[in-house]
Amino acid sequence: MKKYITRIIIFGVIIGAVVYACLNFYWPRSAAFDTARAYVLRSPQLVNQVGEPMTVKPWVADSWIRQDSLTGEAELPLTVKGPRSTRNVRMHLFKRNGSWAVQSMDLT
């Protein structure tokens, strides 16, 4: 029984490390995330709702990016925090000719 519990703890630590790495290293360094973040930070609607300064963090569990060198698409759920409130945002992006563009932003 002790080995079983040890394995569960080790598995949990590994999963936690993967989620941490994605949140702090993979998504925030992608061009799709940079485009979504810039769009959110310039959104008058979000500025009015959450206030400034804002912080933008991705949700890893429900995110995906598919791309090649010139085309792609992404869906990035984000948490936007400011001094007044916190909002969840779902960004839909497309990559054409090597550049990412926001197709839609849904506030949840």
C-alpha atoms as a PDB file:
ATOM      1  CA  MET A   1       0.000   0.000   0.000  1.00  0.00           C
ATOM      2  CA  LYS A   2       2.866   2.377   0.821  1.00  0.00           C
ATOM      3  CA  LYS A   3       4.393   1.881  -2.670  1.00  0.00           C
ATOM      4  CA  TYR A   4       1.001   2.663  -4.244  1.00  0.00           C
ATOM      5  CA  ILE A   5       0.691   5.944  -2.322  1.00  0.00           C
ATOM      6  CA  THR A   6       4.290   6.850  -3.194  1.00  0.00           C
ATOM      7  CA  ARG A   7       3.582   6.284  -6.890  1.00  0.00           C
ATOM      8  CA  ILE A   8       0.466   8.458  -6.727  1.00  0.00           C
ATOM      9  CA  ILE A   9       2.444  11.259  -5.070  1.00  0.00           C
ATOM     10  CA  ILE A  10       5.233  11.023  -7.648  1.00  0.00           C
ATOM     11  CA  PHE A  11       2.680  11.059 -10.492  1.00  0.00           C
ATOM     12  CA  GLY A  12       1.006  14.130  -8.954  1.00  0.00           C
ATOM     13  CA  VAL A  13       4.323  15.944  -8.687  1.00  0.00           C
ATOM     14  CA  ILE A  14       5.129  15.167 -12.335  1.00  0.00           C
ATOM     15  CA  ILE A  15       1.705  16.395 -13.517  1.00  0.00           C
ATOM     16  CA  GLY A  16       2.101  19.538 -11.408  1.00  0.00           C
ATOM     17  CA  ALA A  17       5.535  20.206 -12.902  1.00  0.00           C
ATOM     18  CA  VAL A  18       4.183  19.815 -16.448  1.00  0.00           C
ATOM     19  CA  VAL A  19       1.280  22.206 -15.780  1.00  0.00           C
ATOM     20  CA  TYR A  20       3.641  24.712 -14.142  1.00  0.00           C
ATOM     21  CA  ALA A  21       6.045  24.533 -17.082  1.00  0.00           C
ATOM     22  CA  CYS A  22       3.245  25.071 -19.602  1.00  0.00           C
ATOM     23  CA  LEU A  23       1.817  28.026 -17.681  1.00  0.00           C
ATOM     24  CA  ASN A  24       5.138  29.740 -17.175  1.00  0.00           C
ATOM     25  CA  PHE A  25       7.301  28.761 -20.123  1.00  0.00           C
ATOM     26  CA  TYR A  26       5.450  27.273 -23.110  1.00  0.00           C
ATOM     27  CA  TRP A  27       2.282  29.332 -23.665  1.00  0.00           C
ATOM     28  CA  PRO A  28       3.662  32.715 -22.567  1.00  0.00           C
ATOM     29  CA  ARG A  29       6.474  32.361 -25.119  1.00  0.00           C
ATOM     30  CA  SER A  30       4.268  31.564 -28.110  1.00  0.00           C
ATOM     31  CA  ALA A  31       3.457  34.118 -30.800  1.00  0.00           C
ATOM     32  CA  ALA A  32      -0.244  33.215 -30.487  1.00  0.00           C
ATOM     33  CA  PHE A  33      -0.217  34.041 -26.773  1.00  0.00           C
ATOM     34  CA  ASP A  34       1.683  37.293 -27.427  1.00  0.00           C
ATOM     35  CA  THR A  35      -0.972  38.335 -29.968  1.00  0.00           C
ATOM     36  CA  ALA A  36      -3.861  37.412 -27.636  1.00  0.00           C
ATOM     37  CA  ARG A  37      -2.224  39.184 -24.683  1.00  0.00           C
ATOM     38  CA  ALA A  38      -1.632  42.384 -26.653  1.00  0.00           C
ATOM     39  CA  TYR A  39      -5.259  42.350 -27.861  1.00  0.00           C
ATOM     40  CA  VAL A  40      -6.587  41.872 -24.309  1.00  0.00           C
ATOM     41  CA  LEU A  41      -4.411  44.634 -22.862  1.00  0.00           C
ATOM     42  CA  ARG A  42      -5.751  47.079 -25.496  1.00  0.00           C
ATOM     43  CA  SER A  43      -9.411  46.060 -25.067  1.00  0.00           C
ATOM     44  CA  PRO A  44     -11.429  49.047 -23.758  1.00  0.00           C
ATOM     45  CA  GLN A  45     -14.123  46.644 -22.535  1.00  0.00           C
ATOM     46  CA  LEU A  46     -11.662  44.737 -20.328  1.00  0.00           C
ATOM     47  CA  VAL A  47      -9.887  47.885 -19.169  1.00  0.00           C
ATOM     48  CA  ASN A  48     -13.260  49.233 -17.965  1.00  0.00           C
ATOM     49  CA  GLN A  49     -14.214  45.964 -16.250  1.00  0.00           C
ATOM     50  CA  VAL A  50     -10.981  44.881 -14.533  1.00  0.00           C
ATOM     51  CA  GLY A  51      -8.982  48.118 -14.393  1.00  0.00           C
ATOM     52  CA  GLU A  52      -5.299  48.683 -14.986  1.00  0.00           C
ATOM     53  CA  PRO A  53      -2.683  47.334 -14.611  1.00  0.00           C
ATOM     54  CA  MET A  54      -3.859  43.952 -15.899  1.00  0.00           C
ATOM     55  CA  THR A  55      -2.147  40.579 -15.740  1.00  0.00           C
ATOM     56  CA  VAL A  56      -2.937  37.895 -18.302  1.00  0.00           C
ATOM     57  CA  LYS A  57      -2.413  34.176 -17.591  1.00  0.00           C
ATOM     58  CA  PRO A  58      -3.328  31.238 -19.865  1.00  0.00           C
ATOM     59  CA  TRP A  59      -5.308  28.149 -18.817  1.00  0.00           C
ATOM     60  CA  VAL A  60      -3.350  25.139 -19.984  1.00  0.00           C
ATOM     61  CA  ALA A  61      -6.007  22.454 -19.641  1.00  0.00           C
ATOM     62  CA  ASP A  62      -8.338  23.853 -22.302  1.00  0.00           C
ATOM     63  CA  SER A  63      -5.814  25.492 -24.675  1.00  0.00           C
ATOM     64  CA  TRP A  64      -4.591  24.341 -28.051  1.00  0.00           C
ATOM     65  CA  ILE A  65      -2.443  25.660 -30.878  1.00  0.00           C
ATOM     66  CA  ARG A  66      -2.122  23.979 -34.269  1.00  0.00           C
ATOM     67  CA  GLN A  67       0.269  25.529 -36.751  1.00  0.00           C
ATOM     68  CA  ASP A  68       2.849  25.137 -39.450  1.00  0.00           C
ATOM     69  CA  SER A  69       5.191  27.844 -40.706  1.00  0.00           C
ATOM     70  CA  LEU A  70       2.508  29.940 -42.481  1.00  0.00           C
ATOM     71  CA  THR A  71      -0.932  28.919 -41.194  1.00  0.00           C
ATOM     72  CA  GLY A  72      -2.556  27.834 -37.972  1.00  0.00           C
ATOM     73  CA  GLU A  73      -5.314  28.322 -35.467  1.00  0.00           C
ATOM     74  CA  ALA A  74      -5.461  28.556 -31.704  1.00  0.00           C
ATOM     75  CA  GLU A  75      -7.949  28.669 -28.890  1.00  0.00           C
ATOM     76  CA  LEU A  76      -6.555  30.230 -25.738  1.00  0.00           C
ATOM     77  CA  PRO A  77      -8.600  30.616 -22.563  1.00  0.00           C
ATOM     78  CA  LEU A  78      -7.070  33.356 -20.416  1.00  0.00           C
ATOM     79  CA  THR A  79      -7.559  34.770 -16.941  1.00  0.00           C
ATOM     80  CA  VAL A  80      -7.348  38.554 -16.863  1.00  0.00           C
ATOM     81  CA  LYS A  81      -6.817  40.134 -13.436  1.00  0.00           C
ATOM     82  CA  GLY A  82      -6.938  43.785 -12.541  1.00  0.00           C
ATOM     83  CA  PRO A  83      -7.492  45.918  -9.452  1.00  0.00           C
ATOM     84  CA  ARG A  84     -11.306  45.901  -9.845  1.00  0.00           C
ATOM     85  CA  SER A  85     -12.053  42.301 -10.846  1.00  0.00           C
ATOM     86  CA  THR A  86     -10.978  39.115 -12.597  1.00  0.00           C
ATOM     87  CA  ARG A  87     -12.459  37.924 -15.896  1.00  0.00           C
ATOM     88  CA  ASN A  88     -12.083  34.763 -17.930  1.00  0.00           C
ATOM     89  CA  VAL A  89     -11.610  35.283 -21.657  1.00  0.00           C
ATOM     90  CA  ARG A  90     -11.570  32.786 -24.533  1.00  0.00           C
ATOM     91  CA  MET A  91      -9.510  33.918 -27.528  1.00  0.00           C
ATOM     92  CA  HIS A  92      -9.826  32.440 -31.033  1.00  0.00           C
ATOM     93  CA  LEU A  93      -6.852  33.189 -33.304  1.00  0.00           C
ATOM     94  CA  PHE A  94      -5.847  32.329 -36.855  1.00  0.00           C
ATOM     95  CA  LYS A  95      -2.405  32.401 -38.421  1.00  0.00           C
ATOM     96  CA  ARG A  96      -2.191  33.485 -42.055  1.00  0.00           C
ATOM     97  CA  ASN A  97       1.030  34.107 -43.967  1.00  0.00           C
ATOM     98  CA  GLY A  98       3.010  33.613 -40.768  1.00  0.00           C
ATOM     99  CA  SER A  99       1.165  36.211 -38.628  1.00  0.00           C
ATOM    100  CA  TRP A 100      -1.369  35.605 -35.854  1.00  0.00           C
ATOM    101  CA  ALA A 101      -4.621  37.600 -35.753  1.00  0.00           C
ATOM    102  CA  VAL A 102      -7.496  37.524 -33.278  1.00  0.00           C
ATOM    103  CA  GLN A 103     -10.745  36.293 -34.772  1.00  0.00           C
ATOM    104  CA  SER A 104     -12.847  36.650 -31.622  1.00  0.00           C
ATOM    105  CA  MET A 105     -12.734  37.316 -27.898  1.00  0.00           C
ATOM    106  CA  ASP A 106     -15.463  35.857 -25.693  1.00  0.00           C
ATOM    107  CA  LEU A 107     -15.852  36.977 -22.086  1.00  0.00           C
ATOM    108  CA  THR A 108     -17.052  34.272 -19.744  1.00  0.00           C
END
